[in-house]
């Protein structure tokens, strides 16, 4: 209904310390992500097709507040605001992680530099599964290139809030696309089959986000691993990035190993001992290691203000 389209501006409070630029950098992995975009001025912009083709623009105006602009069906604005809060982790208290990180000599300075990052979450379980599956067993750079081609193959760019944006492809688009098109984007036959199994599971309800939310992480991981093509690493990434489960850490991750070697090259590291020290918020180590790599490559997003409380 065209008459329902409207643009609204809303202010939401964040739990300090908070930095939008670091949180979105952790969400998008690389600056080349065509779905989650940071503008040159530090604003986060994105479109969401599943909610009336809405466009979002989020800017941090000071240490305690974000301003969210929504262009879309006014009846969806309240739900979209709740989604923004969840995606950007605005209410998450990371005090326990920060205290634990301060006891690990090599992690302490990194945690100080990344103070304010919150655990981001993808807006849907589907998007979390697709990202985890595409990133299986390949480098971040290679997987990001495949993801860009995948998104461009199934969508068209739009100009919203002064940025060129793509909506994330929905399950139906993956089920209906010719396999040859998706293989041309870089998806292997195995990964394509897994994506289609996930799409079918979501469609039939055998995989359901609300049901996963109600289960402890080991049970939720076991349910995910019941889908052929999803193993423990993929399930952990889905739980961390899709459900915000900070009690999980993607073990045997080649990117994690490289980033750890970059930070503690001269000292043998017992990863399990580190995870034990970090306790129930150990998943934040994954994001800090990703940000350390982006920092080393000068690819961190730019803050839109002074985030100091």
Protein backbone atom coordinates (compact mmCIF):
# COMPACT_ATOMS: atom_id res chain seq x y z
CA UNK A 1 0.00 0.00 0.00
CA UNK A 2 1.76 3.12 -1.26
CA UNK A 3 0.12 5.38 1.30
CA UNK A 4 1.85 3.50 4.11
CA UNK A 5 5.34 4.50 2.91
CA UNK A 6 6.98 7.02 5.21
CA UNK A 7 10.34 8.17 6.49
CA UNK A 8 10.78 8.42 10.23
CA UNK A 9 13.67 9.41 12.48
CA UNK A 10 14.13 7.82 15.90
CA UNK A 11 16.66 8.04 18.72
CA UNK A 12 17.67 4.93 20.62
CA UNK A 13 19.89 4.69 23.68
CA UNK A 14 22.94 2.42 23.80
CA UNK A 15 24.71 0.77 26.70
CA UNK A 16 28.07 2.50 26.99
CA UNK A 17 30.76 2.07 25.92
CA UNK A 18 29.42 1.77 22.37
CA UNK A 19 30.96 2.24 18.93
CA UNK A 20 28.81 1.83 15.86
CA UNK A 21 31.79 1.80 13.48
CA UNK A 22 33.44 -1.17 15.20
CA UNK A 23 30.18 -3.08 15.58
CA UNK A 24 29.29 -2.71 11.90
CA UNK A 25 32.86 -3.57 10.89
CA UNK A 26 32.47 -6.83 12.81
CA UNK A 27 29.10 -7.44 11.18
CA UNK A 28 30.18 -6.92 7.58
CA UNK A 29 33.67 -8.53 7.84
CA UNK A 30 35.16 -6.55 4.93
CA UNK A 31 34.49 -3.07 3.50
CA UNK A 32 33.47 -4.68 0.19
CA UNK A 33 30.28 -6.14 1.70
CA UNK A 34 27.45 -4.87 -0.60
CA UNK A 35 24.65 -5.47 1.94
CA UNK A 36 25.96 -3.89 5.16
CA UNK A 37 27.52 -0.56 4.22
CA UNK A 38 29.34 2.09 6.22
CA UNK A 39 29.22 5.48 4.56
CA UNK A 40 32.37 7.66 4.40
CA UNK A 41 30.90 9.67 7.27
CA UNK A 42 30.45 6.62 9.50
CA UNK A 43 26.71 5.98 9.07
CA UNK A 44 25.41 2.43 8.62
CA UNK A 45 22.99 1.91 5.73
CA UNK A 46 21.11 -1.18 4.62
CA UNK A 47 17.94 -2.34 2.88
CA UNK A 48 15.66 -5.10 4.18
CA UNK A 49 13.36 -6.63 1.57
CA UNK A 50 11.41 -8.80 3.96
CA UNK A 51 9.88 -5.79 5.70
CA UNK A 52 8.32 -3.76 2.93
CA UNK A 53 11.62 -3.06 1.17
CA UNK A 54 12.65 -0.75 3.98
CA UNK A 55 15.90 1.22 4.00
CA UNK A 56 17.77 2.00 7.22
CA UNK A 57 20.33 4.64 8.05
CA UNK A 58 21.94 4.53 11.50
CA UNK A 59 24.30 7.16 12.86
CA UNK A 60 25.92 7.48 16.26
CA UNK A 61 25.46 11.07 17.36
CA UNK A 62 27.21 10.81 20.72
CA UNK A 63 28.46 8.21 23.18
CA UNK A 64 24.96 7.29 24.35
CA UNK A 65 22.67 7.62 21.34
CA UNK A 66 22.02 6.38 17.84
CA UNK A 67 19.71 8.08 15.38
CA UNK A 68 17.86 5.65 13.13
CA UNK A 69 16.18 6.79 9.92
CA UNK A 70 13.70 4.36 8.41
CA UNK A 71 12.30 4.73 4.91
CA UNK A 72 9.52 2.21 4.43
CA UNK A 73 6.08 1.08 5.49
CA UNK A 74 5.28 3.09 8.61
CA UNK A 75 3.48 0.08 10.08
CA UNK A 76 6.83 -1.74 10.21
CA UNK A 77 8.84 1.03 11.86
CA UNK A 78 8.46 -0.27 15.42
CA UNK A 79 9.49 -3.78 14.42
CA UNK A 80 12.44 -2.43 12.45
CA UNK A 81 13.63 -0.41 15.43
CA UNK A 82 13.59 -3.56 17.57
CA UNK A 83 15.54 -5.33 14.83
CA UNK A 84 18.16 -2.56 14.75
CA UNK A 85 18.62 -2.85 18.52
CA UNK A 86 19.20 -6.58 18.17
CA UNK A 87 21.44 -6.41 15.09
CA UNK A 88 23.68 -3.77 16.60
CA UNK A 89 23.83 -5.16 20.14
CA UNK A 90 22.91 -1.84 21.73
CA UNK A 91 21.82 -3.35 25.05
CA UNK A 92 24.55 -5.99 25.52
CA UNK A 93 26.64 -5.68 28.67
CA UNK A 94 30.21 -6.85 27.99
CA UNK A 95 31.61 -6.04 31.41
CA UNK A 96 32.45 -9.68 32.08
CA UNK A 97 34.39 -10.04 28.82
CA UNK A 98 36.33 -6.83 29.43
CA UNK A 99 37.29 -7.88 32.94
CA UNK A 100 38.39 -11.29 31.70
CA UNK A 101 40.31 -9.84 28.74
CA UNK A 102 42.23 -7.56 31.10
CA UNK A 103 43.78 -10.69 32.65
CA UNK A 104 45.22 -11.90 29.32
CA UNK A 105 48.35 -9.86 28.53
CA UNK A 106 48.24 -10.11 24.72
CA UNK A 107 44.45 -9.50 24.55
CA UNK A 108 44.36 -6.58 26.99
CA UNK A 109 45.66 -3.87 24.59
CA UNK A 110 43.44 -5.10 21.74
CA UNK A 111 40.35 -5.04 23.96
CA UNK A 112 41.21 -1.48 24.99
CA UNK A 113 41.56 -0.36 21.37
CA UNK A 114 38.27 -2.03 20.44
CA UNK A 115 36.40 -0.79 23.49
CA UNK A 116 32.82 -0.17 22.45
CA UNK A 117 32.37 -2.99 19.95
CA UNK A 118 29.17 -4.96 20.59
CA UNK A 119 28.26 -8.38 19.22
CA UNK A 120 26.36 -7.85 15.95
CA UNK A 121 23.66 -10.21 14.72
CA UNK A 122 22.31 -10.86 11.26
CA UNK A 123 18.65 -9.87 10.92
CA UNK A 124 17.49 -13.41 10.11
CA UNK A 125 18.52 -16.99 10.76
CA UNK A 126 18.58 -17.49 6.99
CA UNK A 127 21.18 -14.77 6.47
CA UNK A 128 23.30 -16.20 9.28
CA UNK A 129 23.17 -19.68 7.73
CA UNK A 130 24.04 -18.44 4.24
CA UNK A 131 27.04 -16.49 5.49
CA UNK A 132 28.31 -19.40 7.58
CA UNK A 133 27.94 -21.87 4.70
CA UNK A 134 29.56 -19.62 2.09
CA UNK A 135 32.50 -18.98 4.42
CA UNK A 136 33.13 -22.69 5.05
CA UNK A 137 36.72 -23.78 4.40
CA UNK A 138 37.81 -20.73 2.39
CA UNK A 139 39.55 -17.50 3.30
CA UNK A 140 37.57 -14.43 4.33
CA UNK A 141 38.68 -12.62 1.17
CA UNK A 142 37.69 -15.48 -1.14
CA UNK A 143 34.36 -16.06 0.63
CA UNK A 144 33.57 -12.34 0.59
CA UNK A 145 34.13 -12.25 -3.17
CA UNK A 146 31.76 -15.21 -3.62
CA UNK A 147 29.19 -13.52 -1.39
CA UNK A 148 29.36 -10.30 -3.43
CA UNK A 149 28.74 -12.23 -6.65
CA UNK A 150 25.97 -14.27 -5.00
CA UNK A 151 24.19 -11.12 -3.82
CA UNK A 152 24.63 -9.34 -7.17
CA UNK A 153 23.40 -12.41 -9.09
CA UNK A 154 20.11 -12.57 -7.19
CA UNK A 155 19.45 -8.88 -6.64
CA UNK A 156 19.51 -5.45 -8.20
CA UNK A 157 21.28 -2.43 -6.70
CA UNK A 158 19.26 0.45 -5.30
CA UNK A 159 20.22 3.97 -4.40
CA UNK A 160 19.05 4.64 -0.86
CA UNK A 161 20.34 7.27 1.56
CA UNK A 162 23.03 8.18 -0.96
CA UNK A 163 24.48 4.66 -1.09
CA UNK A 164 24.35 1.82 -3.60
CA UNK A 165 22.77 -1.07 -1.71
CA UNK A 166 21.68 -4.66 -2.26
CA UNK A 167 19.04 -6.50 -0.25
CA UNK A 168 20.10 -9.92 0.96
CA UNK A 169 18.63 -12.69 -1.24
CA UNK A 170 15.71 -14.53 0.36
CA UNK A 171 15.30 -18.33 0.52
CA UNK A 172 12.87 -18.42 -2.41
CA UNK A 173 15.38 -16.72 -4.71
CA UNK A 174 17.97 -19.40 -3.93
CA UNK A 175 15.49 -22.26 -4.38
CA UNK A 176 14.28 -20.85 -7.72
CA UNK A 177 17.61 -19.78 -9.24
CA UNK A 178 19.24 -21.98 -11.84
CA UNK A 179 22.15 -23.89 -10.35
CA UNK A 180 24.41 -22.75 -13.18
CA UNK A 181 23.89 -19.10 -12.21
CA UNK A 182 24.87 -19.75 -8.61
CA UNK A 183 27.83 -21.90 -9.60
CA UNK A 184 29.00 -19.01 -11.80
CA UNK A 185 28.94 -16.83 -8.68
CA UNK A 186 31.40 -19.23 -7.06
CA UNK A 187 29.17 -21.56 -5.05
CA UNK A 188 30.19 -25.19 -5.13
CA UNK A 189 27.56 -27.86 -5.74
CA UNK A 190 27.93 -28.95 -2.12
CA UNK A 191 27.35 -25.50 -0.67
CA UNK A 192 24.44 -24.84 -3.03
CA UNK A 193 22.80 -28.10 -1.95
CA UNK A 194 23.27 -27.13 1.70
CA UNK A 195 21.75 -23.68 1.12
CA UNK A 196 18.72 -25.26 -0.52
CA UNK A 197 18.35 -27.74 2.35
CA UNK A 198 18.37 -24.83 4.81
CA UNK A 199 15.81 -22.94 2.70
CA UNK A 200 13.55 -26.01 2.67
CA UNK A 201 13.98 -26.53 6.43
CA UNK A 202 12.98 -22.94 7.12
CA UNK A 203 10.01 -23.23 4.76
CA UNK A 204 8.71 -26.40 6.41
CA UNK A 205 9.41 -25.18 9.94
CA UNK A 206 11.82 -28.01 10.77
CA UNK A 207 14.36 -25.23 11.32
CA UNK A 208 12.88 -22.37 13.29
CA UNK A 209 14.62 -19.40 14.89
CA UNK A 210 12.22 -19.19 17.84
CA UNK A 211 12.76 -22.88 18.59
CA UNK A 212 16.54 -22.45 18.47
CA UNK A 213 16.31 -19.44 20.79
CA UNK A 214 14.64 -21.62 23.44
CA UNK A 215 17.41 -24.22 23.44
CA UNK A 216 20.79 -24.03 25.18
CA UNK A 217 23.67 -23.66 22.76
CA UNK A 218 24.75 -27.35 22.65
CA UNK A 219 21.20 -28.44 21.79
CA UNK A 220 20.77 -25.66 19.24
CA UNK A 221 24.07 -26.63 17.62
CA UNK A 222 22.99 -30.27 17.45
CA UNK A 223 19.74 -29.26 15.74
CA UNK A 224 21.67 -27.25 13.15
CA UNK A 225 24.10 -30.12 12.60
CA UNK A 226 21.12 -32.30 11.71
CA UNK A 227 21.09 -30.54 8.33
CA UNK A 228 23.50 -32.20 5.93
CA UNK A 229 26.36 -29.83 5.13
CA UNK A 230 26.34 -28.09 8.52
CA UNK A 231 29.05 -29.19 10.93
CA UNK A 232 30.20 -27.94 14.33
CA UNK A 233 32.12 -24.92 12.97
CA UNK A 234 29.21 -23.76 10.81
CA UNK A 235 26.73 -24.28 13.64
CA UNK A 236 28.92 -22.23 16.00
CA UNK A 237 29.11 -19.34 13.51
CA UNK A 238 25.32 -19.42 13.05
CA UNK A 239 24.76 -19.35 16.80
CA UNK A 240 27.28 -16.56 17.35
CA UNK A 241 26.41 -14.33 14.41
CA UNK A 242 22.74 -15.24 14.06
CA UNK A 243 21.54 -15.76 17.61
CA UNK A 244 24.09 -13.72 19.56
CA UNK A 245 25.31 -16.73 21.57
CA UNK A 246 28.52 -15.45 23.12
CA UNK A 247 29.10 -18.75 24.91
CA UNK A 248 30.20 -20.35 21.62
CA UNK A 249 33.48 -19.91 19.76
CA UNK A 250 34.14 -21.24 16.24
CA UNK A 251 36.95 -23.71 16.86
CA UNK A 252 39.34 -24.82 14.11
CA UNK A 253 38.81 -21.57 12.22
CA UNK A 254 41.72 -20.83 9.87
CA UNK A 255 41.10 -17.09 10.05
CA UNK A 256 41.10 -17.19 13.84
CA UNK A 257 44.38 -19.12 13.78
CA UNK A 258 46.03 -16.58 11.46
CA UNK A 259 44.81 -13.65 13.52
CA UNK A 260 46.04 -15.24 16.74
CA UNK A 261 49.43 -15.86 15.16
CA UNK A 262 49.57 -12.20 14.15
CA UNK A 263 48.97 -11.09 17.74
CA UNK A 264 51.03 -13.66 19.66
CA UNK A 265 53.56 -14.87 17.11
CA UNK A 266 56.37 -15.44 19.62
CA UNK A 267 54.40 -17.33 22.28
CA UNK A 268 52.74 -20.76 22.04
CA UNK A 269 49.08 -20.24 22.84
CA UNK A 270 46.69 -22.59 24.59
CA UNK A 271 43.43 -21.46 23.02
CA UNK A 272 41.28 -23.58 25.34
CA UNK A 273 42.86 -21.92 28.37
CA UNK A 274 42.10 -18.50 26.88
CA UNK A 275 38.48 -19.49 26.22
CA UNK A 276 38.18 -20.82 29.76
CA UNK A 277 39.38 -17.46 31.11
CA UNK A 278 36.89 -15.57 28.94
CA UNK A 279 34.04 -17.78 30.13
CA UNK A 280 30.47 -17.28 28.88
CA UNK A 281 31.38 -14.29 26.69
CA UNK A 282 34.20 -16.07 24.85
CA UNK A 283 32.52 -15.42 21.50
CA UNK A 284 33.68 -11.80 21.70
CA UNK A 285 37.22 -13.05 21.08
CA UNK A 286 36.11 -13.99 17.55
CA UNK A 287 35.05 -10.39 16.86
CA UNK A 288 38.16 -8.90 18.42
CA UNK A 289 40.42 -11.07 16.28
CA UNK A 290 38.48 -10.06 13.17
CA UNK A 291 38.81 -6.39 14.09
CA UNK A 292 42.54 -6.84 14.75
CA UNK A 293 42.97 -8.09 11.18
CA UNK A 294 40.92 -5.20 9.79
CA UNK A 295 42.97 -2.77 11.86
CA UNK A 296 46.21 -4.24 10.51
CA UNK A 297 44.87 -3.76 6.96
CA UNK A 298 43.62 -0.21 7.70
CA UNK A 299 40.07 -1.37 6.89
CA UNK A 300 38.21 -0.46 10.05
CA UNK A 301 35.17 1.75 9.64
CA UNK A 302 35.32 5.41 10.49
CA UNK A 303 33.56 6.64 13.66
CA UNK A 304 30.94 9.30 13.11
CA UNK A 305 31.68 11.03 16.45
CA UNK A 306 33.80 10.83 19.60
CA UNK A 307 32.48 7.64 21.24
CA UNK A 308 33.99 8.27 24.64
CA UNK A 309 31.37 8.30 27.39
